[in-house]
Amino acid sequence: MPTIPSDPFMLLSFVNMKLRDQYSTLDSLCSDLDIDRHWLETTLEAAGFEYSEENNKFW
């Protein structure tokens, strides 16, 4: 399992790359990598990013 970055901007880059290249949904990414979806969304929202289900990425 890959190490999840703690810096929100590195985390954003990591998650969006995984969503683009490997996962069709945020739920599948969280399930496969054993990441708590609420924690992920809260962490990235605190840095000013919001998940778009339609685009399958944070921005």
Protein backbone atom coordinates (compact mmCIF):
# COMPACT_ATOMS: atom_id res chain seq x y z
CA MET A 1 0.00 0.00 0.00
CA PRO A 2 1.38 3.43 -0.88
CA THR A 3 2.18 5.95 1.81
CA ILE A 4 -0.49 8.64 1.93
CA PRO A 5 1.01 12.15 1.94
CA SER A 6 0.20 14.27 5.00
CA ASP A 7 0.67 17.64 3.28
CA PRO A 8 -2.73 18.66 1.85
CA PHE A 9 -1.30 19.81 -1.49
CA MET A 10 0.71 16.62 -1.95
CA LEU A 11 -2.36 14.66 -0.87
CA LEU A 12 -4.43 16.48 -3.50
CA SER A 13 -1.93 15.61 -6.21
CA PHE A 14 -1.69 11.98 -5.06
CA VAL A 15 -5.46 11.46 -4.86
CA ASN A 16 -6.24 13.16 -8.17
CA MET A 17 -3.54 11.15 -9.92
CA LYS A 18 -5.00 7.91 -8.51
CA LEU A 19 -8.53 8.97 -9.47
CA ARG A 20 -7.39 9.82 -13.00
CA ASP A 21 -5.27 6.73 -13.58
CA GLN A 22 -6.75 3.92 -11.48
CA TYR A 23 -10.12 4.60 -9.84
CA SER A 24 -13.48 5.53 -11.33
CA THR A 25 -14.90 6.70 -7.99
CA LEU A 26 -13.69 8.17 -4.72
CA ASP A 27 -15.33 5.30 -2.85
CA SER A 28 -13.32 2.71 -4.77
CA LEU A 29 -10.07 4.59 -4.09
CA CYS A 30 -10.85 4.87 -0.37
CA SER A 31 -11.87 1.24 -0.10
CA ASP A 32 -8.86 -0.11 -1.97
CA LEU A 33 -6.30 2.08 -0.18
CA ASP A 34 -8.05 1.81 3.22
CA ILE A 35 -8.55 5.59 3.51
CA ASP A 36 -11.39 7.05 5.52
CA ARG A 37 -13.43 9.06 3.00
CA HIS A 38 -14.65 11.55 5.61
CA TRP A 39 -11.07 12.23 6.74
CA LEU A 40 -9.92 12.67 3.15
CA GLU A 41 -12.70 15.06 2.21
CA THR A 42 -12.37 17.03 5.45
CA THR A 43 -8.60 17.34 5.06
CA LEU A 44 -8.83 18.56 1.48
CA GLU A 45 -11.81 20.83 2.18
CA ALA A 46 -9.76 22.54 4.92
CA ALA A 47 -7.19 23.35 2.22
CA GLY A 48 -9.91 24.76 -0.05
CA PHE A 49 -10.62 21.76 -2.28
CA GLU A 50 -13.93 20.03 -2.95
CA TYR A 51 -14.62 16.68 -4.58
CA SER A 52 -16.55 16.73 -7.85
CA GLU A 53 -18.25 13.40 -8.45
CA GLU A 54 -19.04 14.45 -12.02
CA ASN A 55 -15.34 15.07 -12.77
CA ASN A 56 -14.01 12.45 -10.36
CA LYS A 57 -11.44 14.81 -8.88
CA PHE A 58 -10.84 17.38 -6.18
CA TRP A 59 -10.57 21.02 -7.15
